[in-house]
Amino acid sequence: MPLSHHPLIKEFPEYKEQIHDLKIKNNHFAKLMKQYEDIDKHVYRIESDEEPTGDEYLRDLKKDRLKLKDELFGFIKEA
């Protein structure tokens, strides 16, 4: 399975404009999006063996990323 990043715009391409607007107009959304992107980059580095770590830590990061993605999607659906 090829490794890839999971930016919000790639995850929800149909909401590209809402994501852009929220990022500009909603500070809380922008902060959560930055956290999501940071975790996503961290997961990618671990999965590509740039940053070796334990499986449990990686699993926890992925859970955090999913939780943030769900929270961000809630904002997007309301927009």
N, C-alpha and C. Protein backbone atom coordinates (compact mmCIF):
# COMPACT_ATOMS: atom_id res chain seq x y z
N MET A 1 0.85 -1.19 0.00
CA MET A 1 0.00 0.00 0.00
C MET A 1 0.89 1.24 0.00
N PRO A 2 0.73 2.10 -1.00
CA PRO A 2 1.58 3.30 -1.05
C PRO A 2 1.24 4.26 0.09
N LEU A 3 2.27 4.88 0.60
CA LEU A 3 2.08 5.84 1.68
C LEU A 3 1.59 7.16 1.08
N SER A 4 0.75 7.84 1.83
CA SER A 4 0.31 9.15 1.36
C SER A 4 -0.13 10.00 2.54
N HIS A 5 -0.09 11.29 2.31
CA HIS A 5 -0.61 12.23 3.28
C HIS A 5 -2.14 12.24 3.15
N HIS A 6 -2.79 12.73 4.17
CA HIS A 6 -4.25 12.79 4.17
C HIS A 6 -4.74 14.21 4.45
N PRO A 7 -4.36 15.20 3.64
CA PRO A 7 -4.84 16.56 3.91
C PRO A 7 -6.36 16.61 3.79
N LEU A 8 -6.96 17.52 4.54
CA LEU A 8 -8.42 17.63 4.55
C LEU A 8 -9.00 17.81 3.16
N ILE A 9 -8.35 18.61 2.34
CA ILE A 9 -8.88 18.88 1.00
C ILE A 9 -8.88 17.60 0.16
N LYS A 10 -7.92 16.71 0.41
CA LYS A 10 -7.90 15.43 -0.29
C LYS A 10 -8.95 14.48 0.29
N GLU A 11 -9.18 14.57 1.60
CA GLU A 11 -10.17 13.73 2.26
C GLU A 11 -11.59 14.14 1.89
N PHE A 12 -11.80 15.45 1.75
CA PHE A 12 -13.14 15.98 1.46
C PHE A 12 -13.07 16.96 0.28
N PRO A 13 -12.74 16.48 -0.91
CA PRO A 13 -12.57 17.42 -2.05
C PRO A 13 -13.83 18.20 -2.39
N GLU A 14 -14.99 17.62 -2.09
CA GLU A 14 -16.25 18.31 -2.40
C GLU A 14 -16.49 19.51 -1.49
N TYR A 15 -15.70 19.62 -0.41
CA TYR A 15 -15.85 20.73 0.54
C TYR A 15 -14.65 21.68 0.51
N LYS A 16 -13.94 21.68 -0.60
CA LYS A 16 -12.72 22.48 -0.71
C LYS A 16 -12.96 23.96 -0.35
N GLU A 17 -14.02 24.55 -0.88
CA GLU A 17 -14.29 25.97 -0.62
C GLU A 17 -14.67 26.23 0.84
N GLN A 18 -15.48 25.34 1.41
CA GLN A 18 -15.86 25.50 2.82
C GLN A 18 -14.63 25.40 3.72
N ILE A 19 -13.74 24.46 3.41
CA ILE A 19 -12.52 24.29 4.20
C ILE A 19 -11.68 25.57 4.13
N HIS A 20 -11.53 26.10 2.93
CA HIS A 20 -10.75 27.32 2.74
C HIS A 20 -11.36 28.49 3.52
N ASP A 21 -12.68 28.65 3.40
CA ASP A 21 -13.35 29.74 4.11
C ASP A 21 -13.23 29.59 5.62
N LEU A 22 -13.45 28.38 6.12
CA LEU A 22 -13.35 28.15 7.57
C LEU A 22 -11.93 28.43 8.08
N LYS A 23 -10.95 28.01 7.29
CA LYS A 23 -9.55 28.20 7.70
C LYS A 23 -9.24 29.69 7.86
N ILE A 24 -9.83 30.51 7.02
CA ILE A 24 -9.60 31.96 7.06
C ILE A 24 -10.44 32.64 8.14
N LYS A 25 -11.71 32.22 8.28
CA LYS A 25 -12.66 32.95 9.12
C LYS A 25 -12.83 32.41 10.54
N ASN A 26 -12.41 31.16 10.78
CA ASN A 26 -12.65 30.54 12.07
C ASN A 26 -11.33 30.12 12.71
N ASN A 27 -10.90 30.87 13.74
CA ASN A 27 -9.60 30.59 14.36
C ASN A 27 -9.54 29.19 14.97
N HIS A 28 -10.63 28.75 15.58
CA HIS A 28 -10.64 27.42 16.20
C HIS A 28 -10.48 26.34 15.13
N PHE A 29 -11.20 26.49 14.03
CA PHE A 29 -11.06 25.54 12.92
C PHE A 29 -9.63 25.54 12.40
N ALA A 30 -9.05 26.71 12.21
CA ALA A 30 -7.68 26.82 11.70
C ALA A 30 -6.69 26.13 12.64
N LYS A 31 -6.90 26.30 13.95
CA LYS A 31 -6.01 25.66 14.93
C LYS A 31 -6.14 24.14 14.87
N LEU A 32 -7.38 23.65 14.81
CA LEU A 32 -7.59 22.20 14.71
C LEU A 32 -7.02 21.65 13.41
N MET A 33 -7.18 22.40 12.34
CA MET A 33 -6.65 21.95 11.04
C MET A 33 -5.13 21.85 11.09
N LYS A 34 -4.48 22.82 11.74
CA LYS A 34 -3.02 22.76 11.88
C LYS A 34 -2.61 21.54 12.69
N GLN A 35 -3.33 21.26 13.78
CA GLN A 35 -3.03 20.06 14.58
C GLN A 35 -3.20 18.80 13.72
N TYR A 36 -4.28 18.75 12.96
CA TYR A 36 -4.54 17.61 12.08
C TYR A 36 -3.39 17.43 11.09
N GLU A 37 -2.98 18.51 10.45
CA GLU A 37 -1.91 18.44 9.45
C GLU A 37 -0.58 18.03 10.08
N ASP A 38 -0.30 18.54 11.27
CA ASP A 38 0.94 18.17 11.97
C ASP A 38 0.95 16.68 12.30
N ILE A 39 -0.18 16.17 12.80
CA ILE A 39 -0.27 14.75 13.12
C ILE A 39 -0.15 13.92 11.84
N ASP A 40 -0.81 14.36 10.78
CA ASP A 40 -0.75 13.64 9.51
C ASP A 40 0.69 13.54 9.00
N LYS A 41 1.43 14.63 9.08
CA LYS A 41 2.85 14.61 8.65
C LYS A 41 3.67 13.69 9.52
N HIS A 42 3.39 13.69 10.82
CA HIS A 42 4.10 12.83 11.76
C HIS A 42 3.84 11.35 11.43
N VAL A 43 2.58 11.02 11.20
CA VAL A 43 2.21 9.64 10.83
C VAL A 43 2.93 9.24 9.55
N TYR A 44 2.97 10.12 8.58
CA TYR A 44 3.64 9.83 7.31
C TYR A 44 5.13 9.54 7.53
N ARG A 45 5.78 10.38 8.35
CA ARG A 45 7.21 10.16 8.62
C ARG A 45 7.45 8.82 9.30
N ILE A 46 6.58 8.45 10.21
CA ILE A 46 6.71 7.17 10.90
C ILE A 46 6.50 6.01 9.91
N GLU A 47 5.44 6.09 9.12
CA GLU A 47 5.14 5.01 8.18
C GLU A 47 6.19 4.88 7.08
N SER A 48 6.90 5.95 6.77
CA SER A 48 7.93 5.88 5.74
C SER A 48 9.30 5.58 6.35
N ASP A 49 9.31 5.23 7.63
CA ASP A 49 10.53 4.85 8.37
C ASP A 49 11.54 5.98 8.52
N GLU A 50 11.11 7.22 8.30
CA GLU A 50 11.98 8.36 8.57
C GLU A 50 12.11 8.56 10.07
N GLU A 51 11.10 8.12 10.80
CA GLU A 51 11.03 8.37 12.23
C GLU A 51 10.49 7.10 12.91
N PRO A 52 11.37 6.12 13.15
CA PRO A 52 10.91 4.86 13.74
C PRO A 52 10.32 5.06 15.15
N THR A 53 9.28 4.31 15.42
CA THR A 53 8.63 4.36 16.73
C THR A 53 7.82 3.09 16.94
N GLY A 54 7.21 2.97 18.09
CA GLY A 54 6.43 1.78 18.40
C GLY A 54 5.06 1.80 17.73
N ASP A 55 4.51 0.61 17.54
CA ASP A 55 3.20 0.47 16.90
C ASP A 55 2.09 1.14 17.71
N GLU A 56 2.17 1.04 19.03
CA GLU A 56 1.14 1.62 19.88
C GLU A 56 1.10 3.14 19.73
N TYR A 57 2.28 3.76 19.68
CA TYR A 57 2.35 5.21 19.50
C TYR A 57 1.73 5.62 18.16
N LEU A 58 2.06 4.87 17.11
CA LEU A 58 1.51 5.15 15.78
C LEU A 58 -0.01 4.99 15.79
N ARG A 59 -0.50 3.95 16.43
CA ARG A 59 -1.94 3.71 16.54
C ARG A 59 -2.63 4.88 17.24
N ASP A 60 -2.01 5.36 18.33
CA ASP A 60 -2.57 6.49 19.08
C ASP A 60 -2.61 7.76 18.22
N LEU A 61 -1.54 7.98 17.46
CA LEU A 61 -1.51 9.14 16.56
C LEU A 61 -2.63 9.06 15.53
N LYS A 62 -2.83 7.89 14.97
CA LYS A 62 -3.88 7.72 13.97
C LYS A 62 -5.26 7.94 14.58
N LYS A 63 -5.45 7.51 15.83
CA LYS A 63 -6.72 7.75 16.52
C LYS A 63 -6.93 9.25 16.72
N ASP A 64 -5.86 9.95 17.12
CA ASP A 64 -5.95 11.41 17.30
C ASP A 64 -6.29 12.10 15.98
N ARG A 65 -5.65 11.64 14.90
CA ARG A 65 -5.90 12.22 13.57
C ARG A 65 -7.37 12.01 13.18
N LEU A 66 -7.89 10.82 13.42
CA LEU A 66 -9.28 10.52 13.07
C LEU A 66 -10.25 11.35 13.91
N LYS A 67 -9.94 11.51 15.19
CA LYS A 67 -10.80 12.31 16.06
C LYS A 67 -10.84 13.77 15.57
N LEU A 68 -9.68 14.31 15.23
CA LEU A 68 -9.63 15.67 14.70
C LEU A 68 -10.37 15.78 13.37
N LYS A 69 -10.19 14.77 12.52
CA LYS A 69 -10.87 14.79 11.22
C LYS A 69 -12.38 14.81 11.41
N ASP A 70 -12.88 14.01 12.34
CA ASP A 70 -14.33 14.00 12.63
C ASP A 70 -14.80 15.36 13.14
N GLU A 71 -14.01 15.95 14.04
CA GLU A 71 -14.36 17.26 14.59
C GLU A 71 -14.37 18.33 13.50
N LEU A 72 -13.34 18.29 12.65
CA LEU A 72 -13.25 19.26 11.55
C LEU A 72 -14.40 19.07 10.57
N PHE A 73 -14.77 17.81 10.30
CA PHE A 73 -15.87 17.56 9.38
C PHE A 73 -17.18 18.10 9.94
N GLY A 74 -17.33 18.06 11.25
CA GLY A 74 -18.50 18.66 11.88
C GLY A 74 -18.61 20.15 11.56
N PHE A 75 -17.48 20.84 11.64
CA PHE A 75 -17.45 22.27 11.28
C PHE A 75 -17.81 22.45 9.81
N ILE A 76 -17.24 21.60 8.96
CA ILE A 76 -17.45 21.72 7.51
C ILE A 76 -18.93 21.53 7.17
N LYS A 77 -19.56 20.53 7.77
CA LYS A 77 -20.97 20.28 7.47
C LYS A 77 -21.88 21.43 7.92
N GLU A 78 -21.48 22.12 8.98
CA GLU A 78 -22.28 23.24 9.46
C GLU A 78 -22.09 24.50 8.62
N ALA A 79 -20.97 24.57 7.91
CA ALA A 79 -20.64 25.78 7.12
C ALA A 79 -21.56 25.95 5.93
